[in-house]
Amino acid sequence: MNESLKILLVVAFLIVIVWNLGAGLYYMLVDKGQSKRTVNALTRRIALSVALILIIILGIYMGWITPHGVGSNPN
């Protein structure tokens, strides 16, 4: 898998997660508890977060992503 494609996938997931978080905040302020739009937006955010974590775990397991630590020796 292309390196830039992996980065784009993760960044796209993060943008959609933040978008749903903002939508949940907006619906919470506008609806004042009268609808389930807040719950739906936050549920989508949690589902996307779990999906992103599972994709990263799968990528590490399959060898598509190589984890590295801060200050680790690259040799």
PDB file of N, CA and C in Angstrom:
ATOM      1  N   MET A   1       0.844  -1.178   0.000  1.00  0.00           N
ATOM      2  CA  MET A   1       0.000   0.000   0.000  1.00  0.00           C
ATOM      3  C   MET A   1       0.889   1.240   0.000  1.00  0.00           C
ATOM      4  N   ASN A   2       0.498   2.229  -0.756  1.00  0.00           N
ATOM      5  CA  ASN A   2       1.261   3.461  -0.870  1.00  0.00           C
ATOM      6  C   ASN A   2       1.246   4.220   0.457  1.00  0.00           C
ATOM      7  N   GLU A   3       2.398   4.787   0.841  1.00  0.00           N
ATOM      8  CA  GLU A   3       2.530   5.482   2.125  1.00  0.00           C
ATOM      9  C   GLU A   3       1.581   6.679   2.219  1.00  0.00           C
ATOM     10  N   SER A   4       1.479   7.448   1.145  1.00  0.00           N
ATOM     11  CA  SER A   4       0.603   8.616   1.184  1.00  0.00           C
ATOM     12  C   SER A   4      -0.873   8.213   1.257  1.00  0.00           C
ATOM     13  N   LEU A   5      -1.219   7.064   0.693  1.00  0.00           N
ATOM     14  CA  LEU A   5      -2.591   6.569   0.781  1.00  0.00           C
ATOM     15  C   LEU A   5      -2.945   6.186   2.213  1.00  0.00           C
ATOM     16  N   LYS A   6      -2.000   5.587   2.924  1.00  0.00           N
ATOM     17  CA  LYS A   6      -2.225   5.236   4.329  1.00  0.00           C
ATOM     18  C   LYS A   6      -2.440   6.483   5.171  1.00  0.00           C
ATOM     19  N   ILE A   7      -1.608   7.480   4.955  1.00  0.00           N
ATOM     20  CA  ILE A   7      -1.731   8.730   5.714  1.00  0.00           C
ATOM     21  C   ILE A   7      -3.050   9.414   5.380  1.00  0.00           C
ATOM     22  N   LEU A   8      -3.418   9.428   4.105  1.00  0.00           N
ATOM     23  CA  LEU A   8      -4.675  10.044   3.685  1.00  0.00           C
ATOM     24  C   LEU A   8      -5.871   9.341   4.314  1.00  0.00           C
ATOM     25  N   LEU A   9      -5.833   8.020   4.409  1.00  0.00           N
ATOM     26  CA  LEU A   9      -6.921   7.253   5.011  1.00  0.00           C
ATOM     27  C   LEU A   9      -7.092   7.611   6.489  1.00  0.00           C
ATOM     28  N   VAL A  10      -5.988   7.659   7.215  1.00  0.00           N
ATOM     29  CA  VAL A  10      -6.054   7.985   8.642  1.00  0.00           C
ATOM     30  C   VAL A  10      -6.523   9.427   8.849  1.00  0.00           C
ATOM     31  N   VAL A  11      -6.001  10.357   8.068  1.00  0.00           N
ATOM     32  CA  VAL A  11      -6.402  11.759   8.196  1.00  0.00           C
ATOM     33  C   VAL A  11      -7.876  11.934   7.840  1.00  0.00           C
ATOM     34  N   ALA A  12      -8.351  11.224   6.818  1.00  0.00           N
ATOM     35  CA  ALA A  12      -9.765  11.305   6.442  1.00  0.00           C
ATOM     36  C   ALA A  12     -10.654  10.792   7.573  1.00  0.00           C
ATOM     37  N   PHE A  13     -10.256   9.679   8.182  1.00  0.00           N
ATOM     38  CA  PHE A  13     -11.007   9.165   9.321  1.00  0.00           C
ATOM     39  C   PHE A  13     -11.041  10.193  10.450  1.00  0.00           C
ATOM     40  N   LEU A  14      -9.904  10.802  10.750  1.00  0.00           N
ATOM     41  CA  LEU A  14      -9.847  11.778  11.833  1.00  0.00           C
ATOM     42  C   LEU A  14     -10.714  13.005  11.540  1.00  0.00           C
ATOM     43  N   ILE A  15     -10.728  13.454  10.293  1.00  0.00           N
ATOM     44  CA  ILE A  15     -11.560  14.602   9.924  1.00  0.00           C
ATOM     45  C   ILE A  15     -13.041  14.274  10.100  1.00  0.00           C
ATOM     46  N   VAL A  16     -13.451  13.084   9.671  1.00  0.00           N
ATOM     47  CA  VAL A  16     -14.856  12.696   9.815  1.00  0.00           C
ATOM     48  C   VAL A  16     -15.222  12.517  11.293  1.00  0.00           C
ATOM     49  N   ILE A  17     -14.292  12.002  12.097  1.00  0.00           N
ATOM     50  CA  ILE A  17     -14.533  11.850  13.530  1.00  0.00           C
ATOM     51  C   ILE A  17     -14.732  13.214  14.182  1.00  0.00           C
ATOM     52  N   VAL A  18     -13.869  14.173  13.869  1.00  0.00           N
ATOM     53  CA  VAL A  18     -14.007  15.518  14.435  1.00  0.00           C
ATOM     54  C   VAL A  18     -15.287  16.183  13.924  1.00  0.00           C
ATOM     55  N   TRP A  19     -15.643  15.952  12.667  1.00  0.00           N
ATOM     56  CA  TRP A  19     -16.882  16.495  12.108  1.00  0.00           C
ATOM     57  C   TRP A  19     -18.093  15.987  12.899  1.00  0.00           C
ATOM     58  N   ASN A  20     -18.134  14.687  13.185  1.00  0.00           N
ATOM     59  CA  ASN A  20     -19.250  14.133  13.942  1.00  0.00           C
ATOM     60  C   ASN A  20     -19.260  14.632  15.382  1.00  0.00           C
ATOM     61  N   LEU A  21     -18.106  14.864  15.951  1.00  0.00           N
ATOM     62  CA  LEU A  21     -18.043  15.437  17.289  1.00  0.00           C
ATOM     63  C   LEU A  21     -18.625  16.850  17.290  1.00  0.00           C
ATOM     64  N   GLY A  22     -18.267  17.640  16.292  1.00  0.00           N
ATOM     65  CA  GLY A  22     -18.823  18.984  16.163  1.00  0.00           C
ATOM     66  C   GLY A  22     -20.315  18.956  15.898  1.00  0.00           C
ATOM     67  N   ALA A  23     -20.763  18.014  15.091  1.00  0.00           N
ATOM     68  CA  ALA A  23     -22.200  17.888  14.827  1.00  0.00           C
ATOM     69  C   ALA A  23     -22.951  17.544  16.102  1.00  0.00           C
ATOM     70  N   GLY A  24     -22.368  16.670  16.921  1.00  0.00           N
ATOM     71  CA  GLY A  24     -22.999  16.336  18.194  1.00  0.00           C
ATOM     72  C   GLY A  24     -23.124  17.552  19.096  1.00  0.00           C
ATOM     73  N   LEU A  25     -22.081  18.375  19.139  1.00  0.00           N
ATOM     74  CA  LEU A  25     -22.126  19.599  19.936  1.00  0.00           C
ATOM     75  C   LEU A  25     -23.192  20.547  19.396  1.00  0.00           C
ATOM     76  N   TYR A  26     -23.234  20.721  18.090  1.00  0.00           N
ATOM     77  CA  TYR A  26     -24.218  21.609  17.474  1.00  0.00           C
ATOM     78  C   TYR A  26     -25.645  21.143  17.777  1.00  0.00           C
ATOM     79  N   TYR A  27     -25.896  19.845  17.575  1.00  0.00           N
ATOM     80  CA  TYR A  27     -27.238  19.321  17.824  1.00  0.00           C
ATOM     81  C   TYR A  27     -27.612  19.434  19.296  1.00  0.00           C
ATOM     82  N   MET A  28     -26.627  19.261  20.183  1.00  0.00           N
ATOM     83  CA  MET A  28     -26.902  19.377  21.609  1.00  0.00           C
ATOM     84  C   MET A  28     -27.338  20.800  21.954  1.00  0.00           C
ATOM     85  N   LEU A  29     -26.691  21.785  21.339  1.00  0.00           N
ATOM     86  CA  LEU A  29     -27.035  23.174  21.627  1.00  0.00           C
ATOM     87  C   LEU A  29     -28.337  23.602  20.964  1.00  0.00           C
ATOM     88  N   VAL A  30     -28.606  23.129  19.764  1.00  0.00           N
ATOM     89  CA  VAL A  30     -29.774  23.572  19.002  1.00  0.00           C
ATOM     90  C   VAL A  30     -31.041  22.830  19.427  1.00  0.00           C
ATOM     91  N   ASP A  31     -30.970  21.507  19.573  1.00  0.00           N
ATOM     92  CA  ASP A  31     -32.162  20.703  19.843  1.00  0.00           C
ATOM     93  C   ASP A  31     -32.597  20.738  21.307  1.00  0.00           C
ATOM     94  N   LYS A  32     -31.688  21.019  22.203  1.00  0.00           N
ATOM     95  CA  LYS A  32     -31.975  21.071  23.644  1.00  0.00           C
ATOM     96  C   LYS A  32     -32.623  19.775  24.154  1.00  0.00           C
ATOM     97  N   GLY A  33     -32.138  18.651  23.656  1.00  0.00           N
ATOM     98  CA  GLY A  33     -32.618  17.358  24.137  1.00  0.00           C
ATOM     99  C   GLY A  33     -33.939  16.894  23.562  1.00  0.00           C
ATOM    100  N   GLN A  34     -34.420  17.524  22.526  1.00  0.00           N
ATOM    101  CA  GLN A  34     -35.718  17.163  21.960  1.00  0.00           C
ATOM    102  C   GLN A  34     -35.623  16.104  20.860  1.00  0.00           C
ATOM    103  N   SER A  35     -34.439  15.830  20.360  1.00  0.00           N
ATOM    104  CA  SER A  35     -34.295  14.811  19.322  1.00  0.00           C
ATOM    105  C   SER A  35     -33.092  13.927  19.649  1.00  0.00           C
ATOM    106  N   LYS A  36     -32.910  12.896  18.825  1.00  0.00           N
ATOM    107  CA  LYS A  36     -31.820  11.947  19.042  1.00  0.00           C
ATOM    108  C   LYS A  36     -30.643  12.219  18.114  1.00  0.00           C
ATOM    109  N   ARG A  37     -30.609  13.402  17.492  1.00  0.00           N
ATOM    110  CA  ARG A  37     -29.512  13.694  16.561  1.00  0.00           C
ATOM    111  C   ARG A  37     -28.170  13.747  17.276  1.00  0.00           C
ATOM    112  N   THR A  38     -28.139  14.234  18.504  1.00  0.00           N
ATOM    113  CA  THR A  38     -26.884  14.278  19.263  1.00  0.00           C
ATOM    114  C   THR A  38     -26.365  12.874  19.513  1.00  0.00           C
ATOM    115  N   VAL A  39     -27.247  12.008  19.954  1.00  0.00           N
ATOM    116  CA  VAL A  39     -26.861  10.621  20.237  1.00  0.00           C
ATOM    117  C   VAL A  39     -26.384   9.937  18.964  1.00  0.00           C
ATOM    118  N   ASN A  40     -27.069  10.167  17.864  1.00  0.00           N
ATOM    119  CA  ASN A  40     -26.674   9.542  16.598  1.00  0.00           C
ATOM    120  C   ASN A  40     -25.298  10.024  16.140  1.00  0.00           C
ATOM    121  N   ALA A  41     -25.031  11.326  16.261  1.00  0.00           N
ATOM    122  CA  ALA A  41     -23.736  11.860  15.842  1.00  0.00           C
ATOM    123  C   ALA A  41     -22.613  11.305  16.708  1.00  0.00           C
ATOM    124  N   LEU A  42     -22.839  11.232  18.014  1.00  0.00           N
ATOM    125  CA  LEU A  42     -21.796  10.716  18.902  1.00  0.00           C
ATOM    126  C   LEU A  42     -21.615   9.208  18.741  1.00  0.00           C
ATOM    127  N   THR A  43     -22.694   8.500  18.410  1.00  0.00           N
ATOM    128  CA  THR A  43     -22.584   7.064  18.134  1.00  0.00           C
ATOM    129  C   THR A  43     -21.753   6.816  16.877  1.00  0.00           C
ATOM    130  N   ARG A  44     -21.986   7.627  15.840  1.00  0.00           N
ATOM    131  CA  ARG A  44     -21.168   7.509  14.624  1.00  0.00           C
ATOM    132  C   ARG A  44     -19.707   7.811  14.930  1.00  0.00           C
ATOM    133  N   ARG A  45     -19.452   8.806  15.781  1.00  0.00           N
ATOM    134  CA  ARG A  45     -18.076   9.149  16.136  1.00  0.00           C
ATOM    135  C   ARG A  45     -17.388   7.984  16.829  1.00  0.00           C
ATOM    136  N   ILE A  46     -18.075   7.345  17.753  1.00  0.00           N
ATOM    137  CA  ILE A  46     -17.495   6.204  18.453  1.00  0.00           C
ATOM    138  C   ILE A  46     -17.263   5.045  17.493  1.00  0.00           C
ATOM    139  N   ALA A  47     -18.221   4.787  16.607  1.00  0.00           N
ATOM    140  CA  ALA A  47     -18.073   3.697  15.637  1.00  0.00           C
ATOM    141  C   ALA A  47     -16.891   3.949  14.705  1.00  0.00           C
ATOM    142  N   LEU A  48     -16.726   5.190  14.255  1.00  0.00           N
ATOM    143  CA  LEU A  48     -15.593   5.516  13.385  1.00  0.00           C
ATOM    144  C   LEU A  48     -14.269   5.398  14.132  1.00  0.00           C
ATOM    145  N   SER A  49     -14.244   5.783  15.394  1.00  0.00           N
ATOM    146  CA  SER A  49     -13.024   5.668  16.184  1.00  0.00           C
ATOM    147  C   SER A  49     -12.629   4.205  16.368  1.00  0.00           C
ATOM    148  N   VAL A  50     -13.601   3.367  16.664  1.00  0.00           N
ATOM    149  CA  VAL A  50     -13.331   1.932  16.815  1.00  0.00           C
ATOM    150  C   VAL A  50     -12.876   1.342  15.483  1.00  0.00           C
ATOM    151  N   ALA A  51     -13.514   1.747  14.391  1.00  0.00           N
ATOM    152  CA  ALA A  51     -13.120   1.247  13.070  1.00  0.00           C
ATOM    153  C   ALA A  51     -11.693   1.661  12.735  1.00  0.00           C
ATOM    154  N   LEU A  52     -11.324   2.894  13.052  1.00  0.00           N
ATOM    155  CA  LEU A  52      -9.962   3.357  12.790  1.00  0.00           C
ATOM    156  C   LEU A  52      -8.948   2.561  13.601  1.00  0.00           C
ATOM    157  N   ILE A  53      -9.245   2.312  14.861  1.00  0.00           N
ATOM    158  CA  ILE A  53      -8.340   1.518  15.702  1.00  0.00           C
ATOM    159  C   ILE A  53      -8.193   0.109  15.139  1.00  0.00           C
ATOM    160  N   LEU A  54      -9.303  -0.496  14.720  1.00  0.00           N
ATOM    161  CA  LEU A  54      -9.237  -1.847  14.153  1.00  0.00           C
ATOM    162  C   LEU A  54      -8.467  -1.878  12.838  1.00  0.00           C
ATOM    163  N   ILE A  55      -8.629  -0.848  12.010  1.00  0.00           N
ATOM    164  CA  ILE A  55      -7.872  -0.775  10.757  1.00  0.00           C
ATOM    165  C   ILE A  55      -6.375  -0.654  11.043  1.00  0.00           C
ATOM    166  N   ILE A  56      -6.018   0.147  12.025  1.00  0.00           N
ATOM    167  CA  ILE A  56      -4.601   0.292  12.382  1.00  0.00           C
ATOM    168  C   ILE A  56      -4.048  -1.019  12.925  1.00  0.00           C
ATOM    169  N   ILE A  57      -4.800  -1.704  13.780  1.00  0.00           N
ATOM    170  CA  ILE A  57      -4.356  -2.998  14.304  1.00  0.00           C
ATOM    171  C   ILE A  57      -4.194  -4.004  13.169  1.00  0.00           C
ATOM    172  N   LEU A  58      -5.157  -4.031  12.236  1.00  0.00           N
ATOM    173  CA  LEU A  58      -5.063  -4.936  11.090  1.00  0.00           C
ATOM    174  C   LEU A  58      -3.851  -4.594  10.226  1.00  0.00           C
ATOM    175  N   GLY A  59      -3.616  -3.310  10.011  1.00  0.00           N
ATOM    176  CA  GLY A  59      -2.459  -2.885   9.220  1.00  0.00           C
ATOM    177  C   GLY A  59      -1.141  -3.287   9.844  1.00  0.00           C
ATOM    178  N   ILE A  60      -1.043  -3.192  11.157  1.00  0.00           N
ATOM    179  CA  ILE A  60       0.183  -3.620  11.843  1.00  0.00           C
ATOM    180  C   ILE A  60       0.331  -5.130  11.743  1.00  0.00           C
ATOM    181  N   TYR A  61      -0.778  -5.859  11.936  1.00  0.00           N
ATOM    182  CA  TYR A  61      -0.737  -7.320  11.879  1.00  0.00           C
ATOM    183  C   TYR A  61      -0.356  -7.822  10.489  1.00  0.00           C
ATOM    184  N   MET A  62      -0.886  -7.168   9.441  1.00  0.00           N
ATOM    185  CA  MET A  62      -0.609  -7.596   8.074  1.00  0.00           C
ATOM    186  C   MET A  62       0.734  -7.078   7.555  1.00  0.00           C
ATOM    187  N   GLY A  63       1.367  -6.175   8.288  1.00  0.00           N
ATOM    188  CA  GLY A  63       2.654  -5.652   7.879  1.00  0.00           C
ATOM    189  C   GLY A  63       2.571  -4.429   6.987  1.00  0.00           C
ATOM    190  N   TRP A  64       1.380  -3.871   6.808  1.00  0.00           N
ATOM    191  CA  TRP A  64       1.217  -2.681   5.978  1.00  0.00           C
ATOM    192  C   TRP A  64       1.719  -1.445   6.698  1.00  0.00           C
ATOM    193  N   ILE A  65       1.627  -1.460   8.032  1.00  0.00           N
ATOM    194  CA  ILE A  65       2.066  -0.337   8.856  1.00  0.00           C
ATOM    195  C   ILE A  65       3.170  -0.846   9.777  1.00  0.00           C
ATOM    196  N   THR A  66       4.258  -0.101   9.837  1.00  0.00           N
ATOM    197  CA  THR A  66       5.354  -0.467  10.727  1.00  0.00           C
ATOM    198  C   THR A  66       5.369   0.523  11.894  1.00  0.00           C
ATOM    199  N   PRO A  67       5.037   0.064  13.085  1.00  0.00           N
ATOM    200  CA  PRO A  67       5.051   0.989  14.222  1.00  0.00           C
ATOM    201  C   PRO A  67       6.472   1.371  14.600  1.00  0.00           C
ATOM    202  N   HIS A  68       6.595   2.564  15.133  1.00  0.00           N
ATOM    203  CA  HIS A  68       7.893   3.020  15.609  1.00  0.00           C
ATOM    204  C   HIS A  68       7.668   3.858  16.850  1.00  0.00           C
ATOM    205  N   GLY A  69       8.653   3.865  17.717  1.00  0.00           N
ATOM    206  CA  GLY A  69       8.545   4.623  18.954  1.00  0.00           C
ATOM    207  C   GLY A  69       9.293   5.937  18.845  1.00  0.00           C
ATOM    208  N   VAL A  70       8.997   6.828  19.740  1.00  0.00           N
ATOM    209  CA  VAL A  70       9.692   8.111  19.788  1.00  0.00           C
ATOM    210  C   VAL A  70      11.084   7.861  20.331  1.00  0.00           C
ATOM    211  N   GLY A  71      12.062   8.324  19.595  1.00  0.00           N
ATOM    212  CA  GLY A  71      13.448   8.164  20.017  1.00  0.00           C
ATOM    213  C   GLY A  71      13.999   6.763  19.809  1.00  0.00           C
ATOM    214  N   SER A  72      13.326   5.929  19.025  1.00  0.00           N
ATOM    215  CA  SER A  72      13.834   4.586  18.797  1.00  0.00           C
ATOM    216  C   SER A  72      14.979   4.622  17.787  1.00  0.00           C
ATOM    217  N   ASN A  73      15.816   3.648  17.857  1.00  0.00           N
ATOM    218  CA  ASN A  73      16.967   3.559  16.981  1.00  0.00           C
ATOM    219  C   ASN A  73      16.517   3.012  15.623  1.00  0.00           C
ATOM    220  N   PRO A  74      16.670   3.772  14.526  1.00  0.00           N
ATOM    221  CA  PRO A  74      16.185   3.297  13.217  1.00  0.00           C
ATOM    222  C   PRO A  74      17.009   2.182  12.609  1.00  0.00           C
ATOM    223  N   ASN A  75      18.124   1.813  13.197  1.00  0.00           N
ATOM    224  CA  ASN A  75      18.975   0.762  12.615  1.00  0.00           C
ATOM    225  C   ASN A  75      18.427  -0.602  12.852  1.00  0.00           C
TER     226      ASN A  75
END
